[in-house]
């Protein structure tokens, strides 16, 4: 039997060789990726989110479960919608489960957002990249 990388977001389950997804690790990976894409430090985000640097680090490494309130604060500090983080986590879980992910955005979401041309608005820059489905 092959050994599992302990840093992996999945752990070997007992049910027919399926992998168990560790949700806190997927959430942490998505939050860390978002922070790093913005070129921000843990210290900057922890200060803006009003959470200790150590705790944010543990959340990003998947060592601590973040409450919905804490996730909201971190998302606000990163200027990204919680729904976008949860969607990315959902997509990662689906991939781990071997499901195909359609590359679409619901019409309601895409039409509710308009592109913003001002630099430095974080999430607002990506809004113009959404394409409606249907």
N, C-alpha and C. Protein backbone atom coordinates (compact mmCIF):
# COMPACT_ATOMS: atom_id res chain seq x y z
N UNK A 1 0.83 -1.18 0.00
CA UNK A 1 0.00 0.00 0.00
C UNK A 1 0.88 1.24 0.00
N UNK A 2 0.56 2.22 -0.83
CA UNK A 2 1.36 3.44 -0.94
C UNK A 2 1.14 4.32 0.28
N UNK A 3 2.17 5.02 0.68
CA UNK A 3 2.05 5.93 1.82
C UNK A 3 1.45 7.25 1.37
N UNK A 4 0.63 7.82 2.20
CA UNK A 4 -0.04 9.09 1.94
C UNK A 4 0.84 10.23 2.42
N UNK A 5 0.97 11.26 1.62
CA UNK A 5 1.70 12.46 2.04
C UNK A 5 0.92 13.11 3.18
N UNK A 6 1.52 13.30 4.37
CA UNK A 6 0.78 13.85 5.51
C UNK A 6 0.30 15.28 5.26
N UNK A 7 0.87 15.97 4.29
CA UNK A 7 0.42 17.33 3.99
C UNK A 7 -0.74 17.34 3.02
N UNK A 8 -1.07 16.18 2.47
CA UNK A 8 -2.14 16.08 1.48
C UNK A 8 -3.47 16.45 2.10
N UNK A 9 -4.38 16.98 1.27
CA UNK A 9 -5.69 17.38 1.74
C UNK A 9 -6.63 16.20 1.86
N UNK A 10 -6.21 15.05 1.47
CA UNK A 10 -7.05 13.87 1.61
C UNK A 10 -6.33 12.83 2.45
N UNK A 11 -7.10 12.04 3.14
CA UNK A 11 -6.54 10.96 3.94
C UNK A 11 -7.20 9.66 3.51
N UNK A 12 -6.46 8.59 3.56
CA UNK A 12 -6.96 7.29 3.12
C UNK A 12 -8.13 6.88 4.01
N UNK A 13 -9.25 6.59 3.41
CA UNK A 13 -10.43 6.13 4.15
C UNK A 13 -10.47 4.61 4.17
N UNK A 14 -11.43 4.07 4.91
CA UNK A 14 -11.55 2.62 5.00
C UNK A 14 -12.61 2.09 4.05
N UNK A 15 -13.38 2.95 3.45
CA UNK A 15 -14.48 2.51 2.61
C UNK A 15 -14.09 2.32 1.16
N UNK A 16 -13.59 1.16 0.80
CA UNK A 16 -13.34 0.84 -0.60
C UNK A 16 -12.24 1.66 -1.25
N UNK A 17 -11.24 2.09 -0.51
CA UNK A 17 -10.12 2.81 -1.11
C UNK A 17 -10.42 4.26 -1.44
N UNK A 18 -11.55 4.77 -1.00
CA UNK A 18 -11.89 6.17 -1.27
C UNK A 18 -11.07 7.08 -0.36
N UNK A 19 -10.89 8.29 -0.80
CA UNK A 19 -10.15 9.28 -0.01
C UNK A 19 -11.12 10.15 0.75
N UNK A 20 -10.78 10.44 2.00
CA UNK A 20 -11.59 11.33 2.80
C UNK A 20 -11.01 12.74 2.67
N UNK A 21 -11.82 13.67 2.28
CA UNK A 21 -11.38 15.05 2.14
C UNK A 21 -11.41 15.72 3.52
N UNK A 22 -10.35 16.40 3.85
CA UNK A 22 -10.29 17.15 5.10
C UNK A 22 -10.64 18.60 4.76
N UNK A 23 -11.85 18.97 5.07
CA UNK A 23 -12.38 20.26 4.66
C UNK A 23 -11.56 21.43 5.17
N UNK A 24 -11.08 21.35 6.41
CA UNK A 24 -10.31 22.48 6.95
C UNK A 24 -9.03 22.71 6.15
N UNK A 25 -8.45 21.64 5.60
CA UNK A 25 -7.24 21.80 4.78
C UNK A 25 -7.56 22.46 3.45
N UNK A 26 -8.67 22.07 2.85
CA UNK A 26 -9.08 22.68 1.58
C UNK A 26 -9.37 24.17 1.77
N UNK A 27 -10.08 24.50 2.83
CA UNK A 27 -10.38 25.90 3.13
C UNK A 27 -9.09 26.67 3.35
N UNK A 28 -8.18 26.11 4.13
CA UNK A 28 -6.90 26.77 4.38
C UNK A 28 -6.10 26.99 3.11
N UNK A 29 -6.09 25.98 2.23
CA UNK A 29 -5.37 26.11 0.96
C UNK A 29 -5.94 27.24 0.11
N UNK A 30 -7.27 27.33 0.05
CA UNK A 30 -7.91 28.37 -0.76
C UNK A 30 -7.60 29.75 -0.18
N UNK A 31 -7.68 29.89 1.14
CA UNK A 31 -7.40 31.18 1.77
C UNK A 31 -5.94 31.59 1.57
N UNK A 32 -5.02 30.64 1.75
CA UNK A 32 -3.60 30.95 1.56
C UNK A 32 -3.31 31.32 0.11
N UNK A 33 -3.89 30.58 -0.83
CA UNK A 33 -3.69 30.90 -2.25
C UNK A 33 -4.18 32.31 -2.56
N UNK A 34 -5.34 32.68 -2.02
CA UNK A 34 -5.88 34.02 -2.27
C UNK A 34 -4.96 35.09 -1.69
N UNK A 35 -4.50 34.87 -0.47
CA UNK A 35 -3.60 35.84 0.17
C UNK A 35 -2.30 35.98 -0.61
N UNK A 36 -1.72 34.87 -1.03
CA UNK A 36 -0.46 34.91 -1.75
C UNK A 36 -0.61 35.55 -3.13
N UNK A 37 -1.74 35.30 -3.79
CA UNK A 37 -1.98 35.95 -5.10
C UNK A 37 -2.03 37.47 -4.95
N UNK A 38 -2.48 37.95 -3.80
CA UNK A 38 -2.52 39.38 -3.54
C UNK A 38 -1.18 39.93 -3.07
N UNK A 39 -0.23 39.06 -2.83
CA UNK A 39 1.09 39.49 -2.37
C UNK A 39 1.06 40.03 -0.96
N UNK A 40 0.15 39.52 -0.14
CA UNK A 40 0.00 40.02 1.23
C UNK A 40 0.59 39.03 2.22
N UNK A 41 1.02 39.54 3.35
CA UNK A 41 1.60 38.72 4.40
C UNK A 41 0.52 38.24 5.36
N UNK A 42 0.85 37.20 6.11
CA UNK A 42 -0.04 36.73 7.17
C UNK A 42 -0.32 37.86 8.15
N UNK A 43 0.71 38.62 8.46
CA UNK A 43 0.56 39.71 9.43
C UNK A 43 -0.46 40.75 8.94
N UNK A 44 -0.38 41.12 7.67
CA UNK A 44 -1.32 42.11 7.13
C UNK A 44 -2.76 41.61 7.20
N UNK A 45 -2.96 40.37 6.78
CA UNK A 45 -4.32 39.82 6.75
C UNK A 45 -4.84 39.57 8.16
N UNK A 46 -3.99 39.07 9.05
CA UNK A 46 -4.44 38.81 10.41
C UNK A 46 -4.85 40.10 11.11
N UNK A 47 -4.10 41.16 10.85
CA UNK A 47 -4.44 42.47 11.43
C UNK A 47 -5.77 42.98 10.88
N UNK A 48 -5.95 42.89 9.58
CA UNK A 48 -7.19 43.36 8.96
C UNK A 48 -8.39 42.52 9.38
N UNK A 49 -8.17 41.23 9.60
CA UNK A 49 -9.26 40.33 9.99
C UNK A 49 -9.49 40.32 11.50
N UNK A 50 -8.58 40.95 12.23
CA UNK A 50 -8.63 40.98 13.69
C UNK A 50 -8.60 39.58 14.30
N UNK A 51 -7.64 38.81 13.81
CA UNK A 51 -7.40 37.46 14.32
C UNK A 51 -5.89 37.34 14.53
N UNK A 52 -5.48 36.54 15.49
CA UNK A 52 -4.05 36.44 15.75
C UNK A 52 -3.33 35.83 14.56
N UNK A 53 -2.11 36.26 14.37
CA UNK A 53 -1.29 35.76 13.28
C UNK A 53 -1.13 34.24 13.39
N UNK A 54 -0.89 33.74 14.58
CA UNK A 54 -0.71 32.31 14.77
C UNK A 54 -1.96 31.52 14.42
N UNK A 55 -3.12 32.05 14.81
CA UNK A 55 -4.36 31.34 14.51
C UNK A 55 -4.64 31.33 13.01
N UNK A 56 -4.43 32.46 12.34
CA UNK A 56 -4.62 32.51 10.90
C UNK A 56 -3.67 31.53 10.21
N UNK A 57 -2.45 31.46 10.68
CA UNK A 57 -1.49 30.51 10.13
C UNK A 57 -1.99 29.08 10.28
N UNK A 58 -2.54 28.75 11.44
CA UNK A 58 -3.07 27.40 11.67
C UNK A 58 -4.28 27.12 10.79
N UNK A 59 -5.12 28.12 10.55
CA UNK A 59 -6.27 27.95 9.65
C UNK A 59 -5.76 27.68 8.24
N UNK A 60 -4.80 28.46 7.77
CA UNK A 60 -4.26 28.28 6.43
C UNK A 60 -3.60 26.92 6.25
N UNK A 61 -3.00 26.39 7.31
CA UNK A 61 -2.35 25.08 7.22
C UNK A 61 -3.31 23.93 7.48
N UNK A 62 -4.58 24.26 7.71
CA UNK A 62 -5.58 23.22 7.92
C UNK A 62 -5.50 22.56 9.28
N UNK A 63 -4.89 23.24 10.23
CA UNK A 63 -4.74 22.69 11.58
C UNK A 63 -5.87 23.11 12.51
N UNK A 64 -6.58 24.17 12.16
CA UNK A 64 -7.70 24.66 12.97
C UNK A 64 -8.93 24.81 12.09
N UNK A 65 -10.09 24.49 12.67
CA UNK A 65 -11.37 24.71 12.00
C UNK A 65 -11.76 26.18 12.21
N UNK A 66 -12.07 26.87 11.15
CA UNK A 66 -12.47 28.27 11.26
C UNK A 66 -13.99 28.35 11.34
N UNK A 67 -14.50 29.14 12.28
CA UNK A 67 -15.95 29.36 12.37
C UNK A 67 -16.41 30.16 11.16
N UNK A 68 -17.71 30.17 10.94
CA UNK A 68 -18.24 30.96 9.82
C UNK A 68 -17.95 32.44 10.02
N UNK A 69 -17.97 32.90 11.26
CA UNK A 69 -17.68 34.31 11.55
C UNK A 69 -16.22 34.63 11.22
N UNK A 70 -15.32 33.72 11.61
CA UNK A 70 -13.90 33.93 11.33
C UNK A 70 -13.65 33.89 9.83
N UNK A 71 -14.27 32.94 9.13
CA UNK A 71 -14.12 32.89 7.67
C UNK A 71 -14.60 34.19 7.04
N UNK A 72 -15.72 34.70 7.53
CA UNK A 72 -16.23 35.98 7.02
C UNK A 72 -15.24 37.11 7.23
N UNK A 73 -14.62 37.16 8.41
CA UNK A 73 -13.64 38.21 8.70
C UNK A 73 -12.41 38.09 7.80
N UNK A 74 -11.96 36.86 7.59
CA UNK A 74 -10.79 36.65 6.73
C UNK A 74 -11.11 37.03 5.30
N UNK A 75 -12.29 36.63 4.83
CA UNK A 75 -12.70 36.98 3.46
C UNK A 75 -12.82 38.49 3.30
N UNK A 76 -13.38 39.17 4.31
CA UNK A 76 -13.46 40.64 4.26
C UNK A 76 -12.06 41.24 4.18
N UNK A 77 -11.14 40.72 4.99
CA UNK A 77 -9.78 41.23 4.99
C UNK A 77 -9.10 41.01 3.64
N UNK A 78 -9.45 39.90 2.97
CA UNK A 78 -8.88 39.60 1.66
C UNK A 78 -9.68 40.24 0.53
N UNK A 79 -10.80 40.86 0.86
CA UNK A 79 -11.68 41.49 -0.12
C UNK A 79 -12.14 40.50 -1.18
N UNK A 80 -12.54 39.31 -0.71
CA UNK A 80 -13.12 38.32 -1.60
C UNK A 80 -14.41 37.80 -0.96
N UNK A 81 -15.43 37.54 -1.75
CA UNK A 81 -16.68 37.03 -1.18
C UNK A 81 -16.51 35.63 -0.60
N UNK A 82 -17.15 35.39 0.52
CA UNK A 82 -17.14 34.07 1.13
C UNK A 82 -17.66 33.03 0.14
N UNK A 83 -18.65 33.41 -0.64
CA UNK A 83 -19.22 32.46 -1.61
C UNK A 83 -18.18 32.00 -2.62
N UNK A 84 -17.27 32.88 -2.99
CA UNK A 84 -16.21 32.51 -3.94
C UNK A 84 -15.24 31.51 -3.31
N UNK A 85 -14.90 31.73 -2.05
CA UNK A 85 -14.03 30.80 -1.32
C UNK A 85 -14.71 29.44 -1.22
N UNK A 86 -15.99 29.44 -0.84
CA UNK A 86 -16.71 28.18 -0.69
C UNK A 86 -16.88 27.46 -2.02
N UNK A 87 -17.05 28.21 -3.08
CA UNK A 87 -17.15 27.58 -4.40
C UNK A 87 -15.84 26.90 -4.78
N UNK A 88 -14.72 27.58 -4.55
CA UNK A 88 -13.41 26.99 -4.85
C UNK A 88 -13.19 25.74 -4.01
N UNK A 89 -13.56 25.80 -2.73
CA UNK A 89 -13.43 24.63 -1.86
C UNK A 89 -14.31 23.51 -2.40
N UNK A 90 -15.53 23.83 -2.78
CA UNK A 90 -16.45 22.83 -3.33
C UNK A 90 -15.88 22.18 -4.58
N UNK A 91 -15.30 22.99 -5.45
CA UNK A 91 -14.69 22.45 -6.67
C UNK A 91 -13.53 21.50 -6.33
N UNK A 92 -12.72 21.88 -5.36
CA UNK A 92 -11.59 21.03 -4.97
C UNK A 92 -12.08 19.71 -4.38
N UNK A 93 -13.13 19.77 -3.58
CA UNK A 93 -13.69 18.55 -3.00
C UNK A 93 -14.24 17.65 -4.10
N UNK A 94 -14.95 18.25 -5.06
CA UNK A 94 -15.50 17.47 -6.16
C UNK A 94 -14.39 16.79 -6.96
N UNK A 95 -13.30 17.49 -7.21
CA UNK A 95 -12.17 16.91 -7.93
C UNK A 95 -11.60 15.74 -7.13
N UNK A 96 -11.46 15.92 -5.82
CA UNK A 96 -10.94 14.84 -4.97
C UNK A 96 -11.87 13.63 -5.00
N UNK A 97 -13.15 13.87 -5.20
CA UNK A 97 -14.13 12.79 -5.28
C UNK A 97 -14.22 12.20 -6.69
N UNK A 98 -13.46 12.76 -7.61
CA UNK A 98 -13.45 12.25 -8.97
C UNK A 98 -14.58 12.75 -9.84
N UNK A 99 -15.19 13.86 -9.46
CA UNK A 99 -16.29 14.43 -10.24
C UNK A 99 -15.78 15.47 -11.21
N UNK A 100 -16.46 15.63 -12.32
CA UNK A 100 -16.13 16.68 -13.28
C UNK A 100 -16.76 17.98 -12.83
N UNK A 101 -16.04 19.06 -12.99
CA UNK A 101 -16.51 20.38 -12.58
C UNK A 101 -16.80 21.21 -13.82
N UNK A 102 -18.08 21.62 -14.02
CA UNK A 102 -18.35 22.50 -15.16
C UNK A 102 -17.75 23.88 -14.90
N UNK A 103 -17.18 24.47 -15.92
CA UNK A 103 -16.56 25.78 -15.80
C UNK A 103 -17.60 26.85 -16.12
N UNK A 104 -18.55 26.99 -15.22
CA UNK A 104 -19.65 27.93 -15.44
C UNK A 104 -19.93 28.73 -14.19
N UNK A 105 -20.63 29.81 -14.36
CA UNK A 105 -21.08 30.66 -13.27
C UNK A 105 -22.58 30.83 -13.44
N UNK A 106 -23.35 30.66 -12.37
CA UNK A 106 -24.79 30.85 -12.48
C UNK A 106 -25.14 32.23 -13.02
N UNK A 107 -26.17 32.32 -13.85
CA UNK A 107 -26.59 33.58 -14.47
C UNK A 107 -26.82 34.65 -13.41
N UNK A 108 -27.48 34.28 -12.33
CA UNK A 108 -27.80 35.25 -11.27
C UNK A 108 -26.54 35.91 -10.70
N UNK A 109 -25.49 35.10 -10.50
CA UNK A 109 -24.25 35.64 -9.95
C UNK A 109 -23.55 36.53 -10.96
N UNK A 110 -23.45 36.06 -12.18
CA UNK A 110 -22.73 36.82 -13.21
C UNK A 110 -23.42 38.15 -13.52
N UNK A 111 -24.75 38.14 -13.58
CA UNK A 111 -25.47 39.37 -13.92
C UNK A 111 -25.56 40.34 -12.75
N UNK A 112 -25.36 39.83 -11.53
CA UNK A 112 -25.44 40.72 -10.37
C UNK A 112 -24.16 41.51 -10.15
N UNK A 113 -23.11 41.19 -10.93
CA UNK A 113 -21.82 41.84 -10.76
C UNK A 113 -21.42 42.56 -12.03
N UNK A 114 -20.94 43.76 -11.86
CA UNK A 114 -20.46 44.49 -13.03
C UNK A 114 -18.98 44.72 -12.87
N UNK A 115 -18.23 44.76 -13.98
CA UNK A 115 -16.78 44.98 -13.89
C UNK A 115 -16.47 46.34 -13.27
N UNK A 116 -15.43 46.38 -12.48
CA UNK A 116 -14.98 47.62 -11.86
C UNK A 116 -13.58 47.91 -12.39
N UNK A 117 -13.37 49.11 -12.88
CA UNK A 117 -12.10 49.44 -13.52
C UNK A 117 -11.06 50.01 -12.56
N UNK A 118 -11.45 50.29 -11.30
CA UNK A 118 -10.50 50.89 -10.37
C UNK A 118 -9.48 49.86 -9.89
N UNK A 119 -8.19 50.20 -9.96
CA UNK A 119 -7.17 49.26 -9.49
C UNK A 119 -7.18 49.14 -7.98
N UNK A 120 -6.71 48.00 -7.50
CA UNK A 120 -6.59 47.79 -6.06
C UNK A 120 -7.85 47.38 -5.36
N UNK A 121 -8.87 46.99 -6.10
CA UNK A 121 -10.12 46.61 -5.45
C UNK A 121 -10.22 45.12 -5.20
N UNK A 122 -9.16 44.39 -5.37
CA UNK A 122 -9.15 42.97 -5.04
C UNK A 122 -10.16 42.18 -5.84
N UNK A 123 -11.19 41.71 -5.19
CA UNK A 123 -12.21 40.87 -5.83
C UNK A 123 -12.86 41.57 -7.00
N UNK A 124 -13.06 42.87 -6.92
CA UNK A 124 -13.76 43.60 -7.98
C UNK A 124 -13.08 43.43 -9.34
N UNK A 125 -11.76 43.22 -9.35
CA UNK A 125 -11.06 43.05 -10.61
C UNK A 125 -11.49 41.77 -11.33
N UNK A 126 -11.83 40.74 -10.57
CA UNK A 126 -12.18 39.46 -11.20
C UNK A 126 -13.65 39.42 -11.65
N UNK A 127 -14.46 40.34 -11.22
CA UNK A 127 -15.88 40.31 -11.55
C UNK A 127 -16.14 40.32 -13.05
N UNK A 128 -15.34 41.06 -13.79
CA UNK A 128 -15.52 41.14 -15.23
C UNK A 128 -15.17 39.84 -15.92
N UNK A 129 -14.48 38.94 -15.23
CA UNK A 129 -14.09 37.67 -15.83
C UNK A 129 -15.19 36.62 -15.77
N UNK A 130 -16.26 36.89 -15.00
CA UNK A 130 -17.34 35.93 -14.88
C UNK A 130 -18.17 35.91 -16.16
N UNK A 131 -18.50 34.72 -16.61
CA UNK A 131 -19.32 34.57 -17.81
C UNK A 131 -20.63 33.89 -17.43
N UNK A 132 -21.77 34.48 -17.81
CA UNK A 132 -23.05 33.87 -17.46
C UNK A 132 -23.24 32.52 -18.14
N UNK A 133 -24.00 31.67 -17.48
CA UNK A 133 -24.33 30.37 -18.06
C UNK A 133 -25.75 30.43 -18.63
N UNK A 134 -26.06 29.50 -19.48
CA UNK A 134 -27.43 29.35 -19.98
C UNK A 134 -27.82 30.25 -21.05
